[in-house]
Protein backbone atom coordinates (compact mmCIF):
# COMPACT_ATOMS: atom_id res chain seq x y z
CA MET A 1 5.46 -8.66 -4.74
CA ARG A 2 6.39 -11.03 -7.54
CA TRP A 3 5.29 -14.61 -8.15
CA ILE A 4 8.09 -17.04 -7.35
CA HIS A 5 9.01 -19.80 -9.79
CA ARG A 6 11.48 -22.68 -10.10
CA ASP A 7 14.35 -20.40 -11.18
CA SER A 8 13.86 -17.77 -8.45
CA MET A 9 16.80 -17.43 -6.09
CA ILE A 10 15.89 -18.36 -2.52
CA THR A 11 18.76 -18.38 -0.03
CA CYS A 12 19.44 -18.94 3.65
CA ASP A 13 20.77 -16.04 5.74
CA HIS A 14 24.32 -17.24 4.98
CA ASP A 15 23.79 -17.28 1.17
CA GLY A 16 23.31 -21.04 0.77
CA ARG A 17 21.02 -21.65 -2.22
CA VAL A 18 17.68 -23.47 -1.94
CA GLU A 19 16.91 -26.11 -4.60
CA ASN A 20 13.41 -25.19 -5.81
CA GLN A 21 11.13 -28.04 -6.89
CA PRO A 22 7.68 -27.06 -8.20
CA SER A 23 4.87 -29.49 -7.45
CA GLN A 24 2.83 -28.30 -10.44
CA ARG A 25 3.81 -27.68 -14.04
CA TRP A 26 0.80 -26.17 -15.81
CA VAL A 27 0.96 -22.55 -14.52
CA THR A 28 4.16 -20.83 -15.60
CA VAL A 29 5.84 -17.43 -15.82
CA THR A 30 8.12 -17.12 -18.85
CA ALA A 31 7.68 -20.89 -19.36
CA VAL A 32 8.97 -21.68 -15.84
CA PRO A 33 6.59 -23.40 -13.35
CA VAL A 34 5.49 -21.24 -10.40
CA LEU A 35 5.86 -22.46 -6.82
CA VAL A 36 2.78 -23.10 -4.68
CA ASP A 37 2.27 -23.77 -0.97
CA ASP A 38 4.55 -26.34 0.57
CA ASP A 39 6.99 -26.18 -2.40
CA PRO A 40 9.55 -24.08 -0.42
CA GLU A 41 9.38 -26.40 2.62
CA GLY A 42 11.74 -29.33 3.17
CA ARG A 43 14.01 -28.33 0.29
CA LYS A 44 17.75 -28.93 0.15
CA ILE A 45 20.08 -25.97 0.74
CA ILE A 46 23.36 -26.09 -1.17
CA ALA A 47 26.68 -24.55 -0.15
CA CYS A 48 25.75 -22.90 3.15
CA PRO A 49 29.11 -21.55 4.37
CA ASN A 50 28.06 -21.48 8.03
CA TYR A 51 29.95 -24.41 9.54
CA GLY A 52 32.40 -25.24 12.30
CA PRO A 53 32.96 -27.63 15.22
CA THR A 54 29.71 -26.70 17.00
CA ILE A 55 27.86 -25.07 14.09
CA LYS A 56 25.45 -26.88 11.79
CA PRO A 57 25.19 -25.40 8.29
CA CYS A 58 21.76 -24.94 6.75
CA ALA A 59 20.88 -28.17 4.92
CA LYS A 60 17.13 -27.81 4.38
CA THR A 61 14.26 -25.38 4.65
CA LEU A 62 11.64 -25.71 7.35
CA THR A 63 8.16 -24.21 7.74
CA VAL A 64 7.27 -21.05 5.83
CA ARG A 65 6.16 -18.21 8.13
CA VAL A 66 4.96 -15.77 5.44
CA GLY A 67 4.96 -15.69 1.67
CA TYR A 68 1.87 -17.50 0.47
CA SER A 69 -0.80 -15.48 -1.34
CA ASP A 70 -4.05 -14.93 0.53
CA TRP A 71 -6.04 -14.87 -2.72
CA LEU A 72 -4.19 -16.52 -5.60
CA ARG A 73 -4.40 -20.29 -5.99
CA VAL A 74 -3.27 -22.93 -8.46
CA ASP A 75 -5.38 -26.08 -8.19
CA GLY A 76 -6.30 -25.07 -4.63
CA HIS A 77 -2.70 -24.35 -3.53
CA LYS A 78 -1.61 -20.83 -2.58
CA VAL A 79 0.92 -19.16 -4.92
CA VAL A 80 4.33 -18.31 -3.41
CA LEU A 81 5.20 -14.60 -3.45
CA SER A 82 8.48 -12.71 -3.09
CA HIS A 83 7.91 -11.78 0.57
CA LEU A 84 8.58 -15.47 1.39
CA GLU A 85 10.28 -16.04 4.74
CA GLY A 86 10.74 -19.19 6.79
CA PHE A 87 13.26 -21.04 8.92
CA THR A 88 16.11 -23.40 8.07
CA ASP A 89 17.61 -26.26 10.10
CA GLY A 90 20.91 -24.36 10.60
CA THR A 91 22.29 -23.14 13.90
CA PRO A 92 21.24 -21.42 16.01
CA PRO A 93 17.87 -23.26 15.84
CA GLY A 94 14.88 -21.03 15.18
CA MET A 95 17.06 -18.08 14.20
CA VAL A 96 18.21 -18.72 10.60
CA HIS A 97 15.80 -17.85 7.78
CA HIS A 98 15.35 -18.55 4.10
CA THR A 99 14.13 -15.67 1.93
CA VAL A 100 13.85 -14.66 -1.72
CA ARG A 101 17.04 -13.00 -2.92
CA ASP A 102 15.88 -12.51 -6.52
CA PRO A 103 12.49 -13.48 -8.02
CA ARG A 104 14.17 -13.72 -11.44
CA GLN A 105 11.05 -12.45 -13.18
CA GLN A 106 9.50 -8.98 -13.38
CA PHE A 107 6.31 -9.82 -15.29
CA VAL A 108 3.78 -11.18 -12.78
CA GLY A 109 3.08 -9.60 -9.44
CA ALA A 110 0.37 -9.52 -6.77
CA ASP A 111 -0.52 -7.53 -3.68
CA ARG A 112 -0.99 -10.70 -1.58
């Protein structure tokens, strides 16, 4: 598993792109701040193509189910890893996920 940073590609199941916003700036991979716990939650999703009269496109990420390191911390916050998976607010509720499509770095990894 790779560490996830600001430039990593996280998408909803329909390929809408999550806007990453790191809450810390002093730990980086290739000069890009890594994400820590709660960074992937409540983030805006851009261009989700899943829409229609009774369908709500994914607009933001919800709670992360898995993807935080059990051991690695930055200032007490768990590092986000590439096995990240959580829900979005899209329809059907509780069925649409956000996951890492591409970590966009191959230098730093961890087992969990």
